[in-house]
Amino acid sequence: MEVTKKLKTLLNILNPFFSKMDCDITFDVDAYSYQVHGGSHVYCSSGRVALPIDISKELDNFMESISSSLDTNIGDSEVYSYEIKINPENRTLMVFANYTTYGLDGPYEVEMVAQESCDKFKSEGAVDTVHFDFSGGGDSGYVEDTGYDSQNNRFQLFSEADDDCYRILQNFGGWEINEGSSGFLVFRLDEGKLDLEFTWNTEESSEELQGTWTY
């Protein structure tokens, strides 16, 4: 699908104005309605700039005309918005899909002394190690109440061990905030130590070019 004659005419009229802006000229587009946000305003590094001509209706029509060819999902991520970017030097209109990329940062390892907790697990019959998973995110986090030793026997997280787990997690401030983190904690019973294997959950905005059109 080509840019319509009317939109080409409007973009060429605006091109000298765009050229003087000295920034990326970007229109935000709703991912579901394909309509441009902001009406006659465009985003620039200095903020929103009012255009001398409102071209949002023609941009809406253009986005609707190419909607069937746009990605709505990229990998496992849903596209949450589109952007129209104008390059006045090359007289091009580019459409990008914005989506979220999820990943991991780590693992990182920390250990601390936890003799009393290890002794208590041993007194309850635990063998070698006791493993507990933990998870954090969205401003809340928790250590699983139930863990398992090296022979897959199940043990509950008593208060002293619980305190040790949250104490070692404080090595990673904000472990339960926003995207949060995940990993596991291991009590090494014979050594009186607690090991933490810690991984940050990451969330980043990414974009993918959907097409380039000349005007």
N, C-alpha and C. Protein backbone atom coordinates (compact mmCIF):
# COMPACT_ATOMS: atom_id res chain seq x y z
N MET A 1 0.85 -1.20 0.00
CA MET A 1 0.00 0.00 0.00
C MET A 1 0.88 1.25 0.00
N GLU A 2 0.61 2.15 -0.95
CA GLU A 2 1.38 3.39 -1.03
C GLU A 2 0.72 4.49 -0.22
N VAL A 3 1.50 5.51 0.10
CA VAL A 3 0.97 6.70 0.74
C VAL A 3 0.03 7.38 -0.26
N THR A 4 -1.14 7.78 0.20
CA THR A 4 -2.11 8.41 -0.69
C THR A 4 -1.58 9.74 -1.23
N LYS A 5 -2.14 10.14 -2.35
CA LYS A 5 -1.72 11.39 -2.97
C LYS A 5 -1.95 12.57 -2.03
N LYS A 6 -3.08 12.56 -1.32
CA LYS A 6 -3.39 13.67 -0.41
C LYS A 6 -2.38 13.72 0.73
N LEU A 7 -2.05 12.55 1.33
CA LEU A 7 -1.08 12.53 2.43
C LEU A 7 0.30 12.95 1.94
N LYS A 8 0.68 12.49 0.73
CA LYS A 8 1.97 12.91 0.17
C LYS A 8 2.03 14.43 0.03
N THR A 9 0.94 15.01 -0.46
CA THR A 9 0.89 16.46 -0.65
C THR A 9 1.06 17.18 0.68
N LEU A 10 0.35 16.72 1.71
CA LEU A 10 0.43 17.36 3.02
C LEU A 10 1.82 17.21 3.63
N LEU A 11 2.41 16.03 3.48
CA LEU A 11 3.76 15.81 4.02
C LEU A 11 4.79 16.68 3.32
N ASN A 12 4.64 16.85 2.02
CA ASN A 12 5.57 17.71 1.28
C ASN A 12 5.39 19.18 1.65
N ILE A 13 4.16 19.60 1.91
CA ILE A 13 3.93 20.97 2.38
C ILE A 13 4.60 21.18 3.73
N LEU A 14 4.52 20.16 4.59
CA LEU A 14 5.08 20.26 5.94
C LEU A 14 6.58 20.00 5.99
N ASN A 15 7.16 19.47 4.92
CA ASN A 15 8.55 19.05 4.96
C ASN A 15 9.52 20.17 5.38
N PRO A 16 9.37 21.40 4.89
CA PRO A 16 10.27 22.46 5.39
C PRO A 16 10.12 22.70 6.89
N PHE A 17 8.89 22.59 7.40
CA PHE A 17 8.66 22.74 8.84
C PHE A 17 9.34 21.60 9.58
N PHE A 18 9.19 20.35 9.08
CA PHE A 18 9.84 19.21 9.70
C PHE A 18 11.35 19.38 9.72
N SER A 19 11.90 19.89 8.63
CA SER A 19 13.35 20.01 8.51
C SER A 19 13.94 20.96 9.54
N LYS A 20 13.17 21.96 9.94
CA LYS A 20 13.64 22.93 10.91
C LYS A 20 13.54 22.43 12.36
N MET A 21 12.84 21.32 12.56
CA MET A 21 12.60 20.84 13.93
C MET A 21 13.84 20.20 14.54
N ASP A 22 14.74 19.67 13.71
CA ASP A 22 16.01 19.12 14.19
C ASP A 22 15.80 18.07 15.29
N CYS A 23 14.90 17.14 15.04
CA CYS A 23 14.65 16.05 16.00
C CYS A 23 13.91 14.94 15.29
N ASP A 24 13.78 13.80 15.97
CA ASP A 24 12.95 12.71 15.44
C ASP A 24 11.48 13.14 15.50
N ILE A 25 10.79 13.06 14.40
CA ILE A 25 9.40 13.49 14.32
C ILE A 25 8.53 12.25 14.44
N THR A 26 7.81 12.13 15.52
CA THR A 26 7.13 10.88 15.86
C THR A 26 5.67 11.11 16.20
N PHE A 27 4.81 10.31 15.59
CA PHE A 27 3.39 10.27 15.93
C PHE A 27 3.11 8.93 16.62
N ASP A 28 2.49 8.96 17.79
CA ASP A 28 2.08 7.74 18.48
C ASP A 28 0.75 7.26 17.92
N VAL A 29 0.64 5.94 17.74
CA VAL A 29 -0.56 5.35 17.12
C VAL A 29 -1.10 4.26 18.03
N ASP A 30 -2.40 4.28 18.28
CA ASP A 30 -3.04 3.26 19.10
C ASP A 30 -2.95 1.90 18.40
N ALA A 31 -2.62 0.85 19.17
CA ALA A 31 -2.42 -0.48 18.60
C ALA A 31 -3.71 -1.17 18.20
N TYR A 32 -4.85 -0.67 18.67
CA TYR A 32 -6.12 -1.34 18.41
C TYR A 32 -6.99 -0.57 17.42
N SER A 33 -7.03 0.75 17.56
CA SER A 33 -7.85 1.56 16.65
C SER A 33 -7.06 2.06 15.45
N TYR A 34 -5.73 2.01 15.53
CA TYR A 34 -4.83 2.52 14.50
C TYR A 34 -4.98 4.03 14.30
N GLN A 35 -5.44 4.72 15.33
CA GLN A 35 -5.60 6.16 15.24
C GLN A 35 -4.42 6.86 15.91
N VAL A 36 -4.07 8.00 15.35
CA VAL A 36 -2.94 8.78 15.85
C VAL A 36 -3.35 9.55 17.10
N HIS A 37 -2.51 9.48 18.14
CA HIS A 37 -2.73 10.26 19.36
C HIS A 37 -2.21 11.68 19.15
N GLY A 38 -2.88 12.63 19.76
CA GLY A 38 -2.33 13.97 19.79
C GLY A 38 -2.81 14.91 18.72
N GLY A 39 -3.67 14.43 17.79
CA GLY A 39 -4.24 15.32 16.79
C GLY A 39 -3.18 16.00 15.96
N SER A 40 -3.12 17.31 16.02
CA SER A 40 -2.20 18.09 15.18
C SER A 40 -0.85 18.31 15.85
N HIS A 41 -0.55 17.55 16.91
CA HIS A 41 0.72 17.68 17.60
C HIS A 41 1.64 16.50 17.26
N VAL A 42 2.93 16.80 17.25
CA VAL A 42 3.93 15.78 16.98
C VAL A 42 4.93 15.80 18.14
N TYR A 43 5.52 14.63 18.41
CA TYR A 43 6.50 14.55 19.49
C TYR A 43 7.90 14.87 18.96
N CYS A 44 8.60 15.67 19.71
CA CYS A 44 9.97 16.07 19.38
C CYS A 44 10.78 15.98 20.67
N SER A 45 12.10 16.06 20.57
CA SER A 45 12.95 15.95 21.76
C SER A 45 12.65 17.05 22.76
N SER A 46 12.16 18.19 22.30
CA SER A 46 11.84 19.31 23.19
C SER A 46 10.42 19.24 23.74
N GLY A 47 9.67 18.22 23.33
CA GLY A 47 8.29 18.08 23.79
C GLY A 47 7.32 18.01 22.61
N ARG A 48 6.05 18.27 22.89
CA ARG A 48 5.05 18.24 21.83
C ARG A 48 5.04 19.56 21.07
N VAL A 49 4.99 19.45 19.74
CA VAL A 49 5.01 20.63 18.88
C VAL A 49 3.75 20.64 18.04
N ALA A 50 3.08 21.80 17.98
CA ALA A 50 1.86 21.93 17.18
C ALA A 50 2.24 22.09 15.71
N LEU A 51 1.60 21.32 14.83
CA LEU A 51 1.83 21.45 13.40
C LEU A 51 0.95 22.54 12.81
N PRO A 52 1.42 23.21 11.78
CA PRO A 52 0.57 24.22 11.14
C PRO A 52 -0.60 23.62 10.38
N ILE A 53 -0.52 22.33 10.06
CA ILE A 53 -1.60 21.63 9.37
C ILE A 53 -1.88 20.34 10.13
N ASP A 54 -3.14 20.05 10.38
CA ASP A 54 -3.52 18.81 11.06
C ASP A 54 -3.60 17.68 10.03
N ILE A 55 -2.69 16.72 10.12
CA ILE A 55 -2.68 15.60 9.17
C ILE A 55 -3.09 14.29 9.83
N SER A 56 -3.62 14.39 11.05
CA SER A 56 -3.91 13.17 11.79
C SER A 56 -4.97 12.31 11.09
N LYS A 57 -5.96 12.92 10.46
CA LYS A 57 -7.01 12.14 9.79
C LYS A 57 -6.41 11.33 8.64
N GLU A 58 -5.54 11.97 7.86
CA GLU A 58 -4.91 11.25 6.76
C GLU A 58 -3.98 10.16 7.26
N LEU A 59 -3.29 10.41 8.37
CA LEU A 59 -2.45 9.37 8.96
C LEU A 59 -3.30 8.22 9.49
N ASP A 60 -4.46 8.55 10.09
CA ASP A 60 -5.39 7.50 10.53
C ASP A 60 -5.79 6.61 9.36
N ASN A 61 -6.14 7.24 8.25
CA ASN A 61 -6.57 6.49 7.06
C ASN A 61 -5.43 5.62 6.54
N PHE A 62 -4.22 6.18 6.56
CA PHE A 62 -3.07 5.40 6.10
C PHE A 62 -2.83 4.18 6.98
N MET A 63 -2.87 4.39 8.32
CA MET A 63 -2.66 3.26 9.23
C MET A 63 -3.74 2.20 9.06
N GLU A 64 -4.96 2.62 8.86
CA GLU A 64 -6.06 1.66 8.65
C GLU A 64 -5.82 0.87 7.37
N SER A 65 -5.29 1.53 6.35
CA SER A 65 -5.08 0.86 5.06
C SER A 65 -3.98 -0.21 5.13
N ILE A 66 -3.02 -0.05 6.04
CA ILE A 66 -1.93 -1.03 6.15
C ILE A 66 -2.10 -1.95 7.34
N SER A 67 -3.20 -1.81 8.07
CA SER A 67 -3.37 -2.53 9.34
C SER A 67 -3.26 -4.05 9.18
N SER A 68 -3.74 -4.58 8.05
CA SER A 68 -3.71 -6.04 7.89
C SER A 68 -2.30 -6.58 7.73
N SER A 69 -1.35 -5.71 7.38
CA SER A 69 0.03 -6.17 7.19
C SER A 69 0.91 -5.91 8.41
N LEU A 70 0.35 -5.28 9.44
CA LEU A 70 1.13 -4.96 10.63
C LEU A 70 1.21 -6.15 11.58
N ASP A 71 2.34 -6.29 12.26
CA ASP A 71 2.47 -7.31 13.30
C ASP A 71 1.64 -6.91 14.51
N THR A 72 0.88 -7.84 15.05
CA THR A 72 0.17 -7.60 16.31
C THR A 72 0.87 -8.31 17.47
N ASN A 73 1.71 -9.28 17.14
CA ASN A 73 2.56 -9.96 18.12
C ASN A 73 3.94 -10.14 17.51
N ILE A 74 4.97 -9.96 18.33
CA ILE A 74 6.33 -10.21 17.91
C ILE A 74 6.94 -11.18 18.91
N GLY A 75 7.24 -12.37 18.45
CA GLY A 75 7.65 -13.42 19.38
C GLY A 75 6.50 -13.73 20.32
N ASP A 76 6.78 -13.73 21.61
CA ASP A 76 5.74 -13.99 22.61
C ASP A 76 5.11 -12.71 23.14
N SER A 77 5.46 -11.57 22.56
CA SER A 77 5.00 -10.29 23.09
C SER A 77 3.94 -9.65 22.18
N GLU A 78 2.95 -9.05 22.81
CA GLU A 78 1.91 -8.34 22.08
C GLU A 78 2.39 -6.91 21.77
N VAL A 79 2.13 -6.45 20.57
CA VAL A 79 2.44 -5.07 20.21
C VAL A 79 1.49 -4.16 20.98
N TYR A 80 2.05 -3.18 21.73
CA TYR A 80 1.20 -2.30 22.54
C TYR A 80 0.99 -0.93 21.92
N SER A 81 1.76 -0.58 20.89
CA SER A 81 1.53 0.67 20.17
C SER A 81 2.37 0.66 18.89
N TYR A 82 2.03 1.59 18.00
CA TYR A 82 2.84 1.81 16.80
C TYR A 82 3.33 3.25 16.82
N GLU A 83 4.36 3.51 16.03
CA GLU A 83 4.87 4.87 15.87
C GLU A 83 5.07 5.15 14.39
N ILE A 84 4.69 6.34 13.98
CA ILE A 84 5.02 6.83 12.65
C ILE A 84 6.18 7.81 12.83
N LYS A 85 7.28 7.55 12.14
CA LYS A 85 8.43 8.44 12.21
C LYS A 85 8.70 9.04 10.83
N ILE A 86 8.85 10.35 10.81
CA ILE A 86 9.08 11.08 9.57
C ILE A 86 10.54 11.48 9.47
N ASN A 87 11.14 11.18 8.33
CA ASN A 87 12.50 11.64 8.05
C ASN A 87 12.42 12.65 6.91
N PRO A 88 12.49 13.95 7.23
CA PRO A 88 12.33 14.97 6.18
C PRO A 88 13.47 15.01 5.18
N GLU A 89 14.67 14.59 5.62
CA GLU A 89 15.81 14.61 4.70
C GLU A 89 15.63 13.62 3.57
N ASN A 90 15.18 12.40 3.92
CA ASN A 90 14.96 11.36 2.92
C ASN A 90 13.53 11.33 2.41
N ARG A 91 12.68 12.17 3.01
CA ARG A 91 11.24 12.19 2.69
C ARG A 91 10.65 10.79 2.79
N THR A 92 10.85 10.19 3.95
CA THR A 92 10.30 8.86 4.20
C THR A 92 9.39 8.87 5.43
N LEU A 93 8.43 7.99 5.39
CA LEU A 93 7.53 7.73 6.51
C LEU A 93 7.75 6.28 6.92
N MET A 94 8.13 6.08 8.17
CA MET A 94 8.39 4.73 8.67
C MET A 94 7.41 4.39 9.78
N VAL A 95 6.95 3.15 9.79
CA VAL A 95 6.05 2.67 10.84
C VAL A 95 6.78 1.61 11.66
N PHE A 96 6.79 1.80 12.97
CA PHE A 96 7.42 0.86 13.90
C PHE A 96 6.37 0.28 14.83
N ALA A 97 6.54 -0.99 15.19
CA ALA A 97 5.72 -1.64 16.21
C ALA A 97 6.50 -1.66 17.52
N ASN A 98 5.86 -1.24 18.59
CA ASN A 98 6.47 -1.24 19.92
C ASN A 98 5.98 -2.44 20.72
N TYR A 99 6.89 -3.15 21.35
CA TYR A 99 6.53 -4.32 22.14
C TYR A 99 7.51 -4.46 23.30
N THR A 100 7.18 -5.35 24.21
CA THR A 100 8.00 -5.54 25.40
C THR A 100 8.83 -6.81 25.28
N THR A 101 10.11 -6.67 25.59
CA THR A 101 11.01 -7.82 25.59
C THR A 101 11.29 -8.23 27.04
N TYR A 102 11.04 -9.49 27.35
CA TYR A 102 11.27 -10.01 28.69
C TYR A 102 12.56 -10.85 28.70
N GLY A 103 13.33 -10.69 29.75
CA GLY A 103 14.58 -11.43 29.83
C GLY A 103 15.02 -11.65 31.26
N LEU A 104 16.26 -12.08 31.41
CA LEU A 104 16.83 -12.40 32.72
C LEU A 104 18.23 -11.79 32.82
N ASP A 105 18.60 -11.37 34.00
CA ASP A 105 19.93 -10.84 34.29
C ASP A 105 20.49 -11.61 35.48
N GLY A 106 21.45 -12.43 35.22
CA GLY A 106 22.02 -13.26 36.27
C GLY A 106 22.32 -14.65 35.73
N PRO A 107 22.50 -15.64 36.60
CA PRO A 107 22.30 -15.56 38.06
C PRO A 107 23.52 -15.00 38.80
N TYR A 108 23.22 -14.49 40.00
CA TYR A 108 24.24 -14.02 40.94
C TYR A 108 24.17 -14.90 42.18
N GLU A 109 25.32 -15.11 42.82
CA GLU A 109 25.37 -16.00 43.98
C GLU A 109 25.92 -15.28 45.20
N VAL A 110 25.27 -15.51 46.34
CA VAL A 110 25.68 -14.95 47.62
C VAL A 110 25.53 -16.04 48.68
N GLU A 111 26.38 -16.00 49.71
CA GLU A 111 26.20 -16.94 50.82
C GLU A 111 26.33 -16.19 52.14
N MET A 112 25.76 -16.78 53.19
CA MET A 112 25.88 -16.21 54.53
C MET A 112 25.82 -17.34 55.55
N VAL A 113 26.25 -17.05 56.75
CA VAL A 113 26.19 -18.03 57.84
C VAL A 113 24.75 -18.15 58.33
N ALA A 114 24.30 -19.40 58.49
CA ALA A 114 22.94 -19.65 59.00
C ALA A 114 22.98 -20.91 59.85
N GLN A 115 23.88 -20.93 60.83
CA GLN A 115 24.14 -22.13 61.60
C GLN A 115 22.91 -22.63 62.35
N GLU A 116 22.21 -21.74 63.03
CA GLU A 116 21.07 -22.16 63.85
C GLU A 116 19.97 -22.78 62.99
N SER A 117 19.69 -22.17 61.86
CA SER A 117 18.66 -22.72 60.97
C SER A 117 19.08 -24.07 60.43
N CYS A 118 20.35 -24.20 60.06
CA CYS A 118 20.83 -25.49 59.54
C CYS A 118 20.74 -26.58 60.62
N ASP A 119 21.11 -26.23 61.85
CA ASP A 119 21.03 -27.20 62.94
C ASP A 119 19.58 -27.64 63.18
N LYS A 120 18.66 -26.70 63.08
CA LYS A 120 17.26 -27.06 63.32
C LYS A 120 16.73 -27.96 62.21
N PHE A 121 17.10 -27.67 60.96
CA PHE A 121 16.68 -28.56 59.87
C PHE A 121 17.24 -29.97 60.10
N LYS A 122 18.49 -30.07 60.54
CA LYS A 122 19.09 -31.37 60.80
C LYS A 122 18.35 -32.09 61.92
N SER A 123 17.95 -31.34 62.94
CA SER A 123 17.22 -31.96 64.05
C SER A 123 15.85 -32.48 63.60
N GLU A 124 15.32 -31.91 62.51
CA GLU A 124 14.04 -32.37 61.98
C GLU A 124 14.20 -33.52 60.99
N GLY A 125 15.47 -33.91 60.75
CA GLY A 125 15.73 -35.07 59.89
C GLY A 125 16.16 -34.74 58.48
N ALA A 126 16.39 -33.46 58.18
CA ALA A 126 16.82 -33.08 56.84
C ALA A 126 18.23 -33.59 56.56
N VAL A 127 18.49 -33.91 55.29
CA VAL A 127 19.78 -34.48 54.87
C VAL A 127 20.45 -33.56 53.86
N ASP A 128 21.70 -33.22 54.11
CA ASP A 128 22.60 -32.49 53.19
C ASP A 128 22.18 -31.03 52.97
N THR A 129 21.12 -30.82 52.22
CA THR A 129 20.68 -29.46 51.89
C THR A 129 19.16 -29.37 51.95
N VAL A 130 18.65 -28.14 52.16
CA VAL A 130 17.21 -27.89 52.04
C VAL A 130 17.03 -26.69 51.10
N HIS A 131 16.22 -26.89 50.07
CA HIS A 131 16.09 -25.96 48.96
C HIS A 131 14.71 -25.29 48.99
N PHE A 132 14.69 -23.95 48.90
CA PHE A 132 13.44 -23.19 48.83
C PHE A 132 13.50 -22.24 47.63
N ASP A 133 12.43 -22.18 46.87
CA ASP A 133 12.32 -21.23 45.77
C ASP A 133 11.78 -19.90 46.28
N PHE A 134 12.08 -18.82 45.56
CA PHE A 134 11.48 -17.52 45.89
C PHE A 134 11.13 -16.80 44.60
N SER A 135 10.24 -15.82 44.71
CA SER A 135 9.82 -15.05 43.56
C SER A 135 9.42 -13.65 44.02
N GLY A 136 9.71 -12.65 43.19
CA GLY A 136 9.32 -11.28 43.51
C GLY A 136 8.89 -10.54 42.27
N GLY A 137 8.02 -9.56 42.45
CA GLY A 137 7.56 -8.75 41.33
C GLY A 137 6.30 -8.00 41.67
N GLY A 138 6.10 -6.83 41.01
CA GLY A 138 4.89 -6.06 41.24
C GLY A 138 4.77 -5.54 42.66
N ASP A 139 5.90 -5.23 43.29
CA ASP A 139 5.96 -4.68 44.65
C ASP A 139 5.60 -5.68 45.73
N SER A 140 5.72 -6.96 45.42
CA SER A 140 5.54 -7.98 46.46
C SER A 140 6.46 -9.16 46.14
N GLY A 141 6.85 -9.87 47.18
CA GLY A 141 7.71 -11.02 46.97
C GLY A 141 7.57 -12.01 48.11
N TYR A 142 7.95 -13.23 47.86
CA TYR A 142 7.77 -14.26 48.88
C TYR A 142 8.77 -15.40 48.67
N VAL A 143 9.08 -16.06 49.77
CA VAL A 143 9.83 -17.30 49.75
C VAL A 143 8.82 -18.42 49.96
N GLU A 144 8.93 -19.46 49.17
CA GLU A 144 7.99 -20.59 49.30
C GLU A 144 8.06 -21.16 50.72
N ASP A 145 6.89 -21.49 51.28
CA ASP A 145 6.83 -22.05 52.63
C ASP A 145 7.39 -23.46 52.71
N THR A 146 7.37 -24.17 51.59
CA THR A 146 7.77 -25.57 51.58
C THR A 146 9.06 -25.75 50.79
N GLY A 147 10.01 -26.49 51.37
CA GLY A 147 11.26 -26.80 50.70
C GLY A 147 11.54 -28.29 50.74
N TYR A 148 12.64 -28.70 50.06
CA TYR A 148 12.95 -30.12 49.96
C TYR A 148 14.43 -30.34 50.20
N ASP A 149 14.75 -31.46 50.89
CA ASP A 149 16.15 -31.77 51.11
C ASP A 149 16.68 -32.62 49.97
N SER A 150 17.93 -33.09 50.08
CA SER A 150 18.57 -33.81 48.98
C SER A 150 17.91 -35.15 48.67
N GLN A 151 17.09 -35.64 49.61
CA GLN A 151 16.37 -36.89 49.37
C GLN A 151 14.90 -36.64 49.08
N ASN A 152 14.58 -35.40 48.74
CA ASN A 152 13.23 -34.98 48.36
C ASN A 152 12.22 -35.09 49.50
N ASN A 153 12.71 -35.05 50.73
CA ASN A 153 11.81 -34.95 51.88
C ASN A 153 11.36 -33.50 52.03
N ARG A 154 10.12 -33.32 52.41
CA ARG A 154 9.55 -31.97 52.46
C ARG A 154 9.70 -31.37 53.86
N PHE A 155 10.04 -30.05 53.90
CA PHE A 155 10.20 -29.35 55.17
C PHE A 155 9.55 -27.97 55.08
N GLN A 156 9.01 -27.54 56.19
CA GLN A 156 8.40 -26.21 56.26
C GLN A 156 9.44 -25.16 56.64
N LEU A 157 9.23 -23.95 56.17
CA LEU A 157 10.14 -22.84 56.46
C LEU A 157 9.75 -22.23 57.80
N PHE A 158 10.48 -22.59 58.86
CA PHE A 158 10.18 -22.06 60.18
C PHE A 158 10.70 -20.63 60.30
N SER A 159 10.33 -19.93 61.36
CA SER A 159 10.54 -18.48 61.44
C SER A 159 12.01 -18.08 61.35
N GLU A 160 12.92 -18.81 62.04
CA GLU A 160 14.33 -18.43 61.99
C GLU A 160 14.90 -18.55 60.58
N ALA A 161 14.54 -19.63 59.88
CA ALA A 161 15.01 -19.82 58.50
C ALA A 161 14.39 -18.79 57.57
N ASP A 162 13.14 -18.46 57.83
CA ASP A 162 12.45 -17.42 57.05
C ASP A 162 13.19 -16.09 57.18
N ASP A 163 13.57 -15.75 58.42
CA ASP A 163 14.33 -14.51 58.66
C ASP A 163 15.66 -14.53 57.90
N ASP A 164 16.33 -15.68 57.91
CA ASP A 164 17.60 -15.80 57.19
C ASP A 164 17.41 -15.57 55.68
N CYS A 165 16.34 -16.13 55.15
CA CYS A 165 16.08 -16.00 53.71
C CYS A 165 15.88 -14.54 53.32
N TYR A 166 15.05 -13.83 54.07
CA TYR A 166 14.79 -12.44 53.73
C TYR A 166 16.00 -11.55 54.01
N ARG A 167 16.82 -11.96 54.96
CA ARG A 167 18.03 -11.19 55.25
C ARG A 167 19.02 -11.28 54.09
N ILE A 168 19.21 -12.46 53.55
CA ILE A 168 20.16 -12.60 52.45
C ILE A 168 19.62 -11.96 51.17
N LEU A 169 18.31 -11.92 51.02
CA LEU A 169 17.71 -11.27 49.84
C LEU A 169 17.95 -9.76 49.84
N GLN A 170 18.21 -9.20 51.01
CA GLN A 170 18.46 -7.77 51.08
C GLN A 170 19.78 -7.37 50.42
N ASN A 171 20.60 -8.37 50.03
CA ASN A 171 21.77 -8.07 49.21
C ASN A 171 21.38 -7.51 47.85
N PHE A 172 20.10 -7.72 47.47
CA PHE A 172 19.60 -7.24 46.19
C PHE A 172 18.40 -6.35 46.46
N GLY A 173 18.70 -5.09 46.78
CA GLY A 173 17.62 -4.15 47.10
C GLY A 173 16.65 -4.00 45.95
N GLY A 174 15.36 -4.04 46.28
CA GLY A 174 14.33 -3.94 45.25
C GLY A 174 14.02 -5.25 44.57
N TRP A 175 14.40 -6.37 45.20
CA TRP A 175 14.20 -7.68 44.56
C TRP A 175 12.73 -8.00 44.30
N GLU A 176 11.84 -7.29 45.03
CA GLU A 176 10.42 -7.58 44.89
C GLU A 176 9.68 -6.47 44.13
N ILE A 177 10.40 -5.48 43.57
CA ILE A 177 9.78 -4.31 42.97
C ILE A 177 9.75 -4.43 41.45
N ASN A 178 8.69 -3.89 40.85
CA ASN A 178 8.51 -3.86 39.39
C ASN A 178 8.64 -5.26 38.80
N GLU A 179 9.60 -5.46 37.87
CA GLU A 179 9.71 -6.78 37.24
C GLU A 179 10.16 -7.85 38.23
N GLY A 180 10.88 -7.41 39.27
CA GLY A 180 11.23 -8.32 40.36
C GLY A 180 12.35 -9.29 40.02
N SER A 181 12.28 -10.45 40.63
CA SER A 181 13.38 -11.40 40.53
C SER A 181 12.87 -12.80 40.82
N SER A 182 13.76 -13.76 40.68
CA SER A 182 13.42 -15.15 41.00
C SER A 182 14.71 -15.90 41.30
N GLY A 183 14.57 -17.09 41.84
CA GLY A 183 15.75 -17.90 42.15
C GLY A 183 15.45 -18.88 43.26
N PHE A 184 16.51 -19.26 43.98
CA PHE A 184 16.30 -20.23 45.05
C PHE A 184 17.33 -20.02 46.16
N LEU A 185 17.01 -20.58 47.31
CA LEU A 185 17.86 -20.51 48.51
C LEU A 185 18.14 -21.93 48.98
N VAL A 186 19.38 -22.17 49.33
CA VAL A 186 19.78 -23.53 49.74
C VAL A 186 20.52 -23.47 51.08
N PHE A 187 19.96 -24.14 52.07
CA PHE A 187 20.65 -24.31 53.36
C PHE A 187 21.58 -25.51 53.25
N ARG A 188 22.90 -25.25 53.40
CA ARG A 188 23.90 -26.33 53.39
C ARG A 188 24.12 -26.75 54.84
N LEU A 189 23.49 -27.84 55.21
CA LEU A 189 23.34 -28.17 56.63
C LEU A 189 24.66 -28.46 57.33
N ASP A 190 25.54 -29.23 56.72
CA ASP A 190 26.78 -29.60 57.39
C ASP A 190 27.75 -28.43 57.52
N GLU A 191 27.59 -27.42 56.65
CA GLU A 191 28.49 -26.26 56.68
C GLU A 191 27.88 -25.07 57.40
N GLY A 192 26.59 -25.16 57.75
CA GLY A 192 25.94 -24.06 58.45
C GLY A 192 25.81 -22.81 57.60
N LYS A 193 25.64 -22.97 56.31
CA LYS A 193 25.58 -21.84 55.38
C LYS A 193 24.25 -21.81 54.62
N LEU A 194 23.90 -20.58 54.19
CA LEU A 194 22.75 -20.39 53.32
C LEU A 194 23.25 -19.79 52.01
N ASP A 195 22.96 -20.44 50.89
CA ASP A 195 23.32 -19.95 49.56
C ASP A 195 22.09 -19.36 48.87
N LEU A 196 22.31 -18.26 48.18
CA LEU A 196 21.26 -17.63 47.38
C LEU A 196 21.71 -17.61 45.93
N GLU A 197 20.90 -18.15 45.03
CA GLU A 197 21.11 -17.96 43.59
C GLU A 197 20.00 -17.03 43.10
N PHE A 198 20.39 -15.89 42.57
CA PHE A 198 19.47 -14.77 42.35
C PHE A 198 19.51 -14.33 40.89
N THR A 199 18.33 -14.13 40.29
CA THR A 199 18.23 -13.66 38.91
C THR A 199 17.20 -12.54 38.82
N TRP A 200 17.62 -11.41 38.25
CA TRP A 200 16.68 -10.31 38.00
C TRP A 200 15.81 -10.65 36.79
N ASN A 201 14.52 -10.34 36.89
CA ASN A 201 13.64 -10.37 35.73
C ASN A 201 13.72 -9.01 35.04
N THR A 202 13.92 -9.00 33.74
CA THR A 202 14.06 -7.73 33.03
C THR A 202 12.90 -7.52 32.06
N GLU A 203 12.58 -6.27 31.84
CA GLU A 203 11.50 -5.90 30.92
C GLU A 203 11.92 -4.62 30.19
N GLU A 204 12.05 -4.72 28.88
CA GLU A 204 12.53 -3.60 28.10
C GLU A 204 11.60 -3.34 26.91
N SER A 205 11.51 -2.08 26.53
CA SER A 205 10.73 -1.71 25.35
C SER A 205 11.59 -1.89 24.11
N SER A 206 11.03 -2.52 23.09
CA SER A 206 11.73 -2.73 21.83
C SER A 206 10.83 -2.29 20.69
N GLU A 207 11.43 -2.06 19.54
CA GLU A 207 10.66 -1.69 18.37
C GLU A 207 11.13 -2.46 17.16
N GLU A 208 10.20 -2.67 16.22
CA GLU A 208 10.53 -3.38 14.99
C GLU A 208 9.90 -2.66 13.82
N LEU A 209 10.70 -2.41 12.80
CA LEU A 209 10.23 -1.69 11.62
C LEU A 209 9.19 -2.51 10.88
N GLN A 210 8.07 -1.88 10.57
CA GLN A 210 7.00 -2.53 9.83
C GLN A 210 7.00 -2.18 8.34
N GLY A 211 7.61 -1.06 8.02
CA GLY A 211 7.67 -0.67 6.61
C GLY A 211 8.13 0.76 6.45
N THR A 212 8.61 1.07 5.25
CA THR A 212 9.07 2.42 4.92
C THR A 212 8.41 2.86 3.62
N TRP A 213 7.88 4.08 3.65
CA TRP A 213 7.19 4.63 2.47
C TRP A 213 7.80 5.99 2.15
N THR A 214 7.90 6.32 0.88
CA THR A 214 8.43 7.62 0.47
C THR A 214 7.28 8.57 0.14
N TYR A 215 7.55 9.84 0.33
CA TYR A 215 6.57 10.85 -0.07
C TYR A 215 7.21 11.95 -0.90
